[in-house]
Amino acid sequence: MPEVRVVNLTKKFGNIVALDNVNLVIHDKEYFSLLGPSGCGKTTLLRLIAGLIEPDSGEIYIGGKRVDNVPPEDREIGFVFQTFALFPHMTVWENVNYGPRVKNFDLKAAGTIGHEVLELVKLHERLNAYPNELSGGMMQRIAVARALAAGAKTLLLDEPLGQLDAKVRNEIRYEMRRMAKDLNLTAIHVTHDQAEAMSISDRIAVMKKGKIVQVGTPQELYMKPNSLFVAYFIGESNFLEGSVVEAKDSELVIELRGGDKVKVFGEGLKKGERAVVVVRPEVFMVEQKKQGENVLKGTVEKISFEGTFVRYEIKLRSEDSVVVIRPSLTEKWFEVGAGITLSFEPEKAHVFPYPETSLAEELSV
């Protein structure tokens, strides 16, 4: 199955730069996600790979073959839309076999393929049903089956679960990964839902304003974000502003705005420079330390019970920052207004230079 590669890809719509000199390699048989906020360019990139629109500059390769000027029907790709895009006047069987028919497949071969893909998506018993007789999850599985029946070697999925309710969405996303893996397909999945991308992807490209800002496994993106934006967009983070007051090799002491000092590890920062310390909510320990390094005191402002954990919003006493923590359900519960002592281990935080513009601008989507 094919590797997909884009080289220096740029696309503009009038004065809007939808893609800005993008380079990316998606490995053979990989389930890959393009993740980012609305308008970041992820769907534009997918449509360029599919051949639905043409690039202003750059090159696209599928399976080692340059396909910039190859029509969509000759790229051996299957495209699954957010809106299902099934033919309403055709049965499930007719929808699935549409691709093989227009490509002039042998009738016997087309029939065999149709039965195989319907078995794969577990809807063979509904082959005589029309789309309006199916649930949203069933229609999306039929959309995938139609793409597979047409001989797709690369599966392109544009927000394929956006029309489904949360319960069905959680079930179908694993089904789509399973199908792609069972058939050894290269799959490219566009989404703005970080939980969706993190749960099913081999690797993810995080996009912002037409550029790819980081590519990595879900674990790499969460544990080792390369920028403030990635730390913000993947999971939840607390951002503590301050200045470097001590710098020895990679060991830094940051004085936060309210005067508290914390120790972290990071590269490229010098004494006197502004910095942002990033701490994930689950990293904070509650009442683990009364004194010592990286201790912050505050007051509980808001409590939310979210099933597997309790989410607290803590107003720090030494500054106007509010931090979020998610302690274990087995730990002591606190009430609104209660004083609380937090701490975190230096190696579990991240530190970045303060943005040239502002922190709000850097985190904006």
Foldseek 3Di string as FASTA:
>chain_A
DKKKWWAQFWADDVPATLAGGETDIFDFLFAEEEAEDPSQNRVVVLCQQQQVDATPDTWIDIRNHTCRPPHNLPRLEAEAEQVLPFDQVAFLLCRQLVLCVVVVHDPVLLVVLSCVLCVLLVNNVRRRHGPVVDDLLVSLSSSVSSSVSNRHQEYEYENNCVVDDPVSSVVSLVSVLVSSNVVSHRYYHYDHDLVSCLPRGQKYFYGGSNYTDDIDHSVCLDQPPPDPQSVPSRAHKFKFKFFWQDDDPQWTWTQTPLGAIAIAGHPDHDHGFIKIKIAHQAQKDWPPDPDDHFKWKFFWADWDDDPQWIWTWTQTPSDRGIDIHTYGPPDDDDDGGDMIMIGGDRHRMDMDGADPPHSCVRNDD
